[in-house]
């Protein structure tokens, strides 16, 4: 239960983060890489600060290279490709392409972790996928980013985003299970900071501080503290306890958050199609969760 609540909490935060990121991106005060740097540096400082109050945990030298790869796939490339692709894709196309992440994760987990693709697991993923597509197609959304037609570069970047994060979820679970969440994440964000800051040092030293009002800083604070520090603290807790495909299915919480927010703000309305779509999404999650991996079956029999 803790695993499910942790992942649900993380993706709920991510759901609101999508809205806030679009708001900040539309101001054009800071580039996509600049926003990423703020997130990376902020979370890095917070995780290393928290680690000072916890028992020291040594990371094996052989694991540092793997953690670096996890940092690039799970945060640096994932976040940067998403922020960049949103400039060139419509909200509809973005949502539909993002819906493929659990499918990619299922295959990465099958290859890297030898998790069998059972009929129940495949059926659950398919059910949730069709549910979220149904939800996206029946949701009225404002074209906040001004894009009316997706460009090829945006579609390529968004597919890359899905592949990067799916590989992170599908490959690195054993590595995450070896270390405390704070230990693992402090190295994840240290590596991403060391890569991102040198690439964006010119912009960071010439920030338009006079134009960044209190509202901008509050939204930026949400992105750094909640959508990065808290969310990436919760996500590995879920990864330790849940299989990659189950974790990835919670990405479908994000369009549900968008739907609820739009309804509350009067930008959309609740229909039977949306209710059916939500039921399909969560039924699919339950099916995948009940689908046991081969190793778990053998352990129960023994």
Protein backbone atom coordinates (compact mmCIF):
# COMPACT_ATOMS: atom_id res chain seq x y z
CA UNK A 1 0.00 0.00 0.00
CA UNK A 2 2.85 2.42 0.82
CA UNK A 3 4.28 1.84 -2.66
CA UNK A 4 0.98 2.64 -4.37
CA UNK A 5 0.36 5.75 -2.25
CA UNK A 6 3.91 7.00 -2.89
CA UNK A 7 3.66 6.66 -6.67
CA UNK A 8 0.13 8.07 -6.69
CA UNK A 9 1.38 11.07 -4.70
CA UNK A 10 4.33 11.60 -7.04
CA UNK A 11 2.25 11.51 -10.21
CA UNK A 12 -0.44 13.72 -8.69
CA UNK A 13 2.28 16.32 -8.08
CA UNK A 14 3.58 15.77 -11.63
CA UNK A 15 0.04 16.35 -12.93
CA UNK A 16 -0.12 19.85 -11.46
CA UNK A 17 3.51 20.42 -12.48
CA UNK A 18 2.60 20.08 -16.17
CA UNK A 19 0.23 23.04 -15.84
CA UNK A 20 2.75 25.17 -13.93
CA UNK A 21 5.63 24.34 -16.29
CA UNK A 22 3.56 25.52 -19.26
CA UNK A 23 2.82 28.77 -17.42
CA UNK A 24 6.50 29.42 -16.74
CA UNK A 25 7.58 28.39 -20.23
CA UNK A 26 5.06 30.78 -21.78
CA UNK A 27 6.65 33.74 -19.95
CA UNK A 28 9.87 33.17 -21.95
CA UNK A 29 11.88 34.57 -19.03
CA UNK A 30 13.93 31.39 -18.61
CA UNK A 31 14.67 28.70 -21.20
CA UNK A 32 13.75 25.02 -20.84
CA UNK A 33 17.33 24.23 -19.85
CA UNK A 34 17.23 27.09 -17.36
CA UNK A 35 14.12 25.70 -15.66
CA UNK A 36 15.76 22.29 -15.59
CA UNK A 37 18.85 23.77 -13.93
CA UNK A 38 16.74 25.39 -11.21
CA UNK A 39 15.07 22.03 -10.51
CA UNK A 40 18.28 20.07 -10.57
CA UNK A 41 20.33 22.43 -8.39
CA UNK A 42 17.47 22.96 -5.92
CA UNK A 43 16.75 19.26 -5.48
CA UNK A 44 20.48 18.45 -5.30
CA UNK A 45 20.98 20.89 -2.41
CA UNK A 46 17.89 19.64 -0.59
CA UNK A 47 18.76 15.92 -0.88
CA UNK A 48 22.38 16.48 0.21
CA UNK A 49 21.14 18.62 3.12
CA UNK A 50 18.73 15.90 4.27
CA UNK A 51 21.47 13.26 3.92
CA UNK A 52 23.50 15.09 6.61
CA UNK A 53 20.88 14.08 9.18
CA UNK A 54 20.79 10.41 8.13
CA UNK A 55 23.28 7.58 8.76
CA UNK A 56 26.07 7.72 6.20
CA UNK A 57 25.69 5.23 3.38
CA UNK A 58 28.58 4.47 1.07
CA UNK A 59 27.85 3.95 -2.61
CA UNK A 60 29.94 1.28 -4.31
CA UNK A 61 32.26 2.72 -6.96
CA UNK A 62 30.92 0.28 -9.55
CA UNK A 63 27.41 1.62 -8.98
CA UNK A 64 28.27 5.28 -9.58
CA UNK A 65 28.39 4.80 -13.36
CA UNK A 66 24.99 3.09 -13.26
CA UNK A 67 23.56 5.91 -11.12
CA UNK A 68 24.94 8.41 -13.65
CA UNK A 69 23.11 6.54 -16.44
CA UNK A 70 19.95 6.52 -14.31
CA UNK A 71 20.32 10.27 -13.76
CA UNK A 72 20.59 10.94 -17.48
CA UNK A 73 17.69 8.68 -18.46
CA UNK A 74 15.39 9.27 -15.49
CA UNK A 75 15.81 13.01 -15.09
CA UNK A 76 18.13 14.95 -17.41
CA UNK A 77 17.05 13.61 -20.81
CA UNK A 78 13.47 12.94 -19.71
CA UNK A 79 12.78 16.42 -18.37
CA UNK A 80 14.70 18.32 -21.04
CA UNK A 81 13.08 16.45 -23.93
CA UNK A 82 9.63 17.06 -22.44
CA UNK A 83 10.17 20.79 -21.93
CA UNK A 84 11.58 21.19 -25.42
CA UNK A 85 8.95 19.05 -27.15
CA UNK A 86 6.08 21.02 -25.59
CA UNK A 87 7.12 23.97 -27.76
CA UNK A 88 6.48 22.01 -30.94
CA UNK A 89 3.53 19.70 -30.14
CA UNK A 90 -0.15 20.25 -29.44
CA UNK A 91 -1.53 19.28 -26.00
CA UNK A 92 -3.53 16.49 -27.66
CA UNK A 93 -0.53 14.93 -29.41
CA UNK A 94 1.60 15.31 -26.27
CA UNK A 95 -0.96 13.44 -24.16
CA UNK A 96 -1.40 10.64 -26.69
CA UNK A 97 2.34 10.07 -27.17
CA UNK A 98 2.97 10.14 -23.39
CA UNK A 99 0.39 7.37 -23.05
CA UNK A 100 2.83 4.93 -24.65
CA UNK A 101 5.26 5.09 -21.67
CA UNK A 102 3.77 2.07 -19.80
CA UNK A 103 3.91 0.00 -23.00
CA UNK A 104 7.61 0.81 -23.48
CA UNK A 105 8.25 0.16 -19.77
CA UNK A 106 6.68 -3.29 -19.98
CA UNK A 107 9.06 -4.25 -22.79
CA UNK A 108 12.16 -2.74 -21.11
CA UNK A 109 11.33 -4.65 -17.90
CA UNK A 110 10.89 -7.85 -19.89
CA UNK A 111 14.33 -7.42 -21.50
CA UNK A 112 16.34 -6.05 -18.55
CA UNK A 113 14.64 -7.70 -15.55
CA UNK A 114 13.24 -10.79 -17.31
CA UNK A 115 9.71 -9.89 -16.25
CA UNK A 116 7.31 -12.03 -18.30
CA UNK A 117 4.64 -10.25 -20.34
CA UNK A 118 1.61 -12.17 -19.12
CA UNK A 119 -1.83 -11.97 -20.69
CA UNK A 120 -3.18 -10.24 -17.59
CA UNK A 121 -0.37 -7.68 -17.59
CA UNK A 122 -0.69 -6.94 -21.31
CA UNK A 123 -4.47 -6.71 -20.94
CA UNK A 124 -4.17 -4.30 -18.03
CA UNK A 125 -1.77 -2.05 -19.90
CA UNK A 126 -4.02 -2.09 -22.97
CA UNK A 127 -7.11 -1.30 -20.90
CA UNK A 128 -5.45 1.67 -19.18
CA UNK A 129 -4.03 2.87 -22.51
CA UNK A 130 -7.43 2.88 -24.20
CA UNK A 131 -8.92 4.53 -21.12
CA UNK A 132 -6.48 7.43 -21.19
CA UNK A 133 -6.81 7.85 -24.98
CA UNK A 134 -10.59 7.97 -24.52
CA UNK A 135 -10.11 10.57 -21.80
CA UNK A 136 -7.79 12.72 -23.90
CA UNK A 137 -10.05 12.65 -26.95
CA UNK A 138 -13.07 13.66 -24.86
CA UNK A 139 -11.41 16.49 -22.97
CA UNK A 140 -11.82 20.09 -24.01
CA UNK A 141 -8.51 21.90 -23.43
CA UNK A 142 -7.38 25.43 -24.11
CA UNK A 143 -4.48 25.78 -26.54
CA UNK A 144 -2.32 27.44 -23.94
CA UNK A 145 0.93 26.93 -25.77
CA UNK A 146 -0.33 28.45 -29.02
CA UNK A 147 0.57 25.33 -31.05
CA UNK A 148 -2.17 24.24 -33.47
CA UNK A 149 -0.16 21.59 -35.36
CA UNK A 150 2.64 19.38 -34.09
CA UNK A 151 6.01 19.57 -35.80
CA UNK A 152 8.14 16.46 -36.52
CA UNK A 153 10.91 17.60 -34.15
CA UNK A 154 8.37 17.85 -31.32
CA UNK A 155 7.02 14.35 -31.97
CA UNK A 156 10.55 12.88 -32.07
CA UNK A 157 11.45 14.62 -28.79
CA UNK A 158 8.25 13.40 -27.11
CA UNK A 159 8.83 9.81 -28.23
CA UNK A 160 12.38 10.15 -26.91
CA UNK A 161 10.95 11.40 -23.61
CA UNK A 162 8.77 8.29 -23.29
CA UNK A 163 11.65 5.96 -24.17
CA UNK A 164 14.07 7.63 -21.72
CA UNK A 165 11.71 7.42 -18.75
CA UNK A 166 10.46 3.94 -19.65
CA UNK A 167 14.05 2.65 -19.75
CA UNK A 168 14.72 4.26 -16.35
CA UNK A 169 11.70 2.54 -14.82
CA UNK A 170 12.32 -0.76 -16.57
CA UNK A 171 16.06 -1.11 -15.94
CA UNK A 172 17.14 0.45 -12.65
CA UNK A 173 14.83 -1.10 -10.03
CA UNK A 174 17.56 -3.46 -8.66
CA UNK A 175 19.95 -0.51 -8.28
CA UNK A 176 17.33 1.59 -6.47
CA UNK A 177 16.56 -1.27 -4.08
CA UNK A 178 20.21 -1.38 -2.90
CA UNK A 179 20.25 2.13 -1.42
CA UNK A 180 18.25 4.49 0.75
CA UNK A 181 16.03 6.81 -1.28
CA UNK A 182 17.92 9.94 -0.16
CA UNK A 183 21.31 8.39 -0.94
CA UNK A 184 20.22 7.38 -4.40
CA UNK A 185 18.54 10.68 -5.26
CA UNK A 186 21.33 12.92 -3.96
CA UNK A 187 23.69 11.29 -6.47
CA UNK A 188 21.03 11.38 -9.22
CA UNK A 189 20.67 15.15 -8.87
CA UNK A 190 24.36 15.80 -8.34
CA UNK A 191 25.14 14.16 -11.68
CA UNK A 192 22.32 15.98 -13.48
CA UNK A 193 23.52 19.30 -12.00
CA UNK A 194 27.11 18.68 -13.07
CA UNK A 195 25.93 18.09 -16.64
CA UNK A 196 23.26 20.80 -16.88
CA UNK A 197 24.86 23.84 -15.23
CA UNK A 198 27.97 24.05 -17.48
CA UNK A 199 25.67 23.84 -20.52
CA UNK A 200 23.62 26.79 -19.28
CA UNK A 201 26.08 28.88 -17.29
CA UNK A 202 25.71 31.91 -19.60
CA UNK A 203 21.94 32.16 -19.08
CA UNK A 204 22.17 31.54 -15.33
CA UNK A 205 24.53 34.49 -14.92
CA UNK A 206 22.20 36.83 -16.86
CA UNK A 207 18.77 36.04 -15.42
CA UNK A 208 16.07 38.76 -15.85
CA UNK A 209 15.51 38.97 -12.09
CA UNK A 210 13.65 42.30 -12.34
CA UNK A 211 10.95 40.65 -14.49
CA UNK A 212 10.53 37.58 -12.24
CA UNK A 213 7.69 38.64 -9.93
CA UNK A 214 6.45 36.93 -6.74
CA UNK A 215 4.01 34.74 -8.70
CA UNK A 216 6.85 33.48 -10.88
CA UNK A 217 8.98 32.62 -7.82
CA UNK A 218 6.08 30.83 -6.12
CA UNK A 219 5.51 28.67 -9.18
CA UNK A 220 9.23 28.02 -9.48
CA UNK A 221 9.27 27.09 -5.81
CA UNK A 222 6.52 24.53 -6.42
CA UNK A 223 8.51 23.00 -9.28
CA UNK A 224 11.70 22.74 -7.22
CA UNK A 225 10.31 21.65 -3.85
CA UNK A 226 7.19 19.64 -4.67
CA UNK A 227 7.57 18.52 -8.31
CA UNK A 228 11.24 17.64 -7.92
CA UNK A 229 12.34 17.14 -4.31
CA UNK A 230 9.13 15.62 -2.88
CA UNK A 231 7.99 13.80 -6.04
CA UNK A 232 11.41 12.26 -6.67
CA UNK A 233 11.57 11.24 -3.01
CA UNK A 234 8.22 9.44 -3.30
CA UNK A 235 8.83 7.81 -6.69
CA UNK A 236 11.78 5.57 -5.65
CA UNK A 237 9.79 4.40 -2.61
CA UNK A 238 7.23 3.06 -5.04
CA UNK A 239 9.92 1.67 -7.33
CA UNK A 240 11.35 -0.34 -4.44
CA UNK A 241 8.01 -2.05 -3.77
CA UNK A 242 6.22 -2.15 -7.12
CA UNK A 243 7.20 -3.62 -10.44
CA UNK A 244 8.16 -1.15 -13.22
CA UNK A 245 5.02 -1.66 -15.29
CA UNK A 246 2.79 -0.90 -12.29
CA UNK A 247 4.76 2.27 -11.52
CA UNK A 248 4.58 3.44 -15.13
CA UNK A 249 0.81 3.00 -15.28
CA UNK A 250 0.45 5.74 -12.70
CA UNK A 251 1.55 8.19 -15.42
CA UNK A 252 -2.11 8.02 -16.42
CA UNK A 253 -2.95 9.93 -13.25
CA UNK A 254 -1.58 13.07 -14.93
CA UNK A 255 -4.32 13.48 -17.58
CA UNK A 256 -6.89 12.68 -14.88
CA UNK A 257 -5.49 15.55 -12.81
CA UNK A 258 -5.70 17.77 -15.88
CA UNK A 259 -9.33 16.73 -16.42
CA UNK A 260 -10.35 17.40 -12.81
CA UNK A 261 -8.56 20.77 -12.80
CA UNK A 262 -10.27 21.79 -16.05
CA UNK A 263 -13.70 20.80 -14.68
CA UNK A 264 -13.15 22.70 -11.41
CA UNK A 265 -12.05 25.81 -13.32
CA UNK A 266 -15.06 25.57 -15.61
CA UNK A 267 -12.93 24.83 -18.69
CA UNK A 268 -14.43 21.36 -19.17
CA UNK A 269 -17.41 19.28 -18.10
CA UNK A 270 -17.86 15.83 -16.61
CA UNK A 271 -19.37 13.31 -19.05
CA UNK A 272 -20.07 9.59 -19.01
CA UNK A 273 -17.18 9.07 -21.43
CA UNK A 274 -14.74 10.57 -18.92
CA UNK A 275 -16.12 8.42 -16.11
CA UNK A 276 -15.75 5.27 -18.24
CA UNK A 277 -12.22 6.34 -19.21
CA UNK A 278 -11.20 6.81 -15.56
CA UNK A 279 -12.65 3.39 -14.64
CA UNK A 280 -10.70 1.76 -17.50
CA UNK A 281 -7.45 3.41 -16.35
CA UNK A 282 -7.69 2.25 -12.75
CA UNK A 283 -9.03 -1.21 -13.65
CA UNK A 284 -5.99 -1.65 -15.87
CA UNK A 285 -3.70 -0.68 -12.99
CA UNK A 286 -5.39 -3.26 -10.75
CA UNK A 287 -5.00 -5.98 -13.39
CA UNK A 288 -1.28 -5.30 -13.83
CA UNK A 289 -0.79 -5.19 -10.05
CA UNK A 290 -2.44 -8.61 -9.70
CA UNK A 291 -0.26 -10.04 -12.46
CA UNK A 292 2.66 -11.63 -10.61
CA UNK A 293 6.14 -11.91 -12.02
CA UNK A 294 7.65 -15.38 -12.51
CA UNK A 295 9.97 -15.01 -9.52
CA UNK A 296 7.11 -14.04 -7.22
CA UNK A 297 5.12 -17.08 -8.25
CA UNK A 298 7.95 -19.43 -7.50
CA UNK A 299 8.53 -17.78 -4.14
CA UNK A 300 4.89 -18.30 -3.15
CA UNK A 301 4.98 -21.97 -4.15
CA UNK A 302 8.16 -22.56 -2.21
